[in-house]
Amino acid sequence: MKVLVGYIPTESKKGTALLSQNRQFQWFTNPTFIFPVVIGSAATLLKNSGYDVLWVDSIVENLNKGEFSDLVAIEKPDLIFFETKTPVIKQHWQYANYLKEKFPNLKIAVCGDHVTAMPDETLNNSKIDFVVTGGDYDFLLKELCDYLSGKIKTLSKGIYTKKGNKIIGNKFELKHNLDDVPFIDRELTKWWLYQKEYNMVYRPYMYIMSGRDCWHGKCLFCAWPVLYPKFRVRSVDNVLDEVGMLIEKYKVKEIFDDSGTLMVGDWLRDLCNGLIKRGYNEKIRYSCNMRFGILKQEDYDLMKKAGFRLLKFGLESANQETLDKLNKKITVKDIIDGCRMAKKAGLTVHLTMIVGYPWETRKMALKTAKLAKFLMEKGYADVLQSTVLVPYPGTGLHSEAVKNKWFLFDHKDYDRFDMGEPVLINKEMSPKEIVEICNQTYKIFLTPQYMIRHITKIRNKDDVLYTLRGVKAVIGHLTDFSRK
């Protein structure tokens, strides 16, 4: 059985689709292609199980719909498995229908947070054969192939299909042991195509996930708890073994652990001590997502000693009312203290903020921008990302928005959920004003204080290239928001 795994063509005049490994979707002028970890695991698990696997990422390989169709005609896969998301779901329905008409014997399966929240919708609105729900779609894809090959007689929980007019399927279970996930076959999944992340200083670099997905998992706006309502983490030794393999086989110089939030406590201390004991802290830099309000100064200091470089934090808002509504379980003081402690340890701090909350006034939104500017100019943070609020289906925010009639348009007009414009009503700010605040935030990178501080930290060729990529990314962001 031959299976094509990856991403089908996703096209728009708005730019390049940032779909893989992204918790939020955007069209970008200056694209960054992030390696899709779980999809990569799915392809590897299938190959290791004896299936003929073809990896095709049409977005990063710049394949249009005609070229992809020609590829399907040549390769003749029995099954295509791809990931989707809210802003492109309708486009994917249409193209899947085209493929089914052109290749009647072809089976198509889809995964992602949108279809996990509403599997029936895709089966009722397209000719897609299977919806694979939940975040362990690597395991479930293998089980789907076993079913289609006749090795097992029933579909696993979490896989939905349609027989006649009836939807068949049961809710997924996160029952799998993550240590059973094989280390990703990086040649099969064409690792070299995913080396354009501006935030990564050293090349080559690789993405891994030590946990699925965030141990907090309660943020009102986040779509990934739809996939991972229960957090699980790999053993420290298993993670260290993968790191060692990447260093030895690919000469990797940096690793980004894209767990929604890296595990903390004894697990984090064991990881750090393991990196030091094995000498990996002298060979690579390790970066990850982290939450404010959980680590102490000694934790940050140990992470720095272990080779950690960059921590991504969700600032989201400088208003305590908003942080509480979002279930962030942090305070504004936690944000400031966390930045100071991380910087004191010598770590790079990346902040994310969101604009467009329906309950926030313009004054409140500008307060967040002001805090971000303060942290950046004082040297307590190094990188900043600003986005427009998007309530994806399946999230608590989406349910609240439907209930309160907060949407500016039909809440099933999914194409407009791409951060190109506000989705929710704000009684005080117009959509244009919200986008302008996002635009203004990126101009913090152009302030003399920030530019001088950044230039003085340049030490080598890697730093120079990192700076040039950052400049290109900022210009790209400003271009995107100006267009919006």
Foldseek 3Di string as FASTA:
>chain_A
DEEEFAAADFDDPLAAWADALDQAIAHFPQDAHAHRALSLLLQQVQVVVPYHYAYDHCRLVVPHLVRVLVVCVVVVGQEYEYEDFLQCLVVVQVSQQVSCVVPVRHAYEYEYLQCLLPVPVSQVRHVHFKYAYADNVSVQVNQVVCCVVVVDPDRDARIWGDDDNDIDHHHDDPPDAVLPRDQGPCVSNVVVSRQQDLQDLDPPEHEAAQKQADCLLQFQQGRSCSRVVDMDGHQLVSVVVSLVCCCVPVVHAEYEHHHVADDDDPRLLVNLVSLVVVVVLVRHEYEYEHEFPPDDLVSLLSNVVSRHAEYEYEPAFQDQVVCVVRVSPDHNVSVQVVLQSNVVSVHAYEYEYEFDDQPDAPVRLVVRLVVLLVCLLVVSHQHYAYFYRARGRPGNVVVVCVVVVFAPDPPSVSSPRRRLWHGGDHPHDDRLRRLVSNLVSLCSCVDPSNVVVLVVPDDDPSSVSSVVSVVVVSVRSNVSSVVD
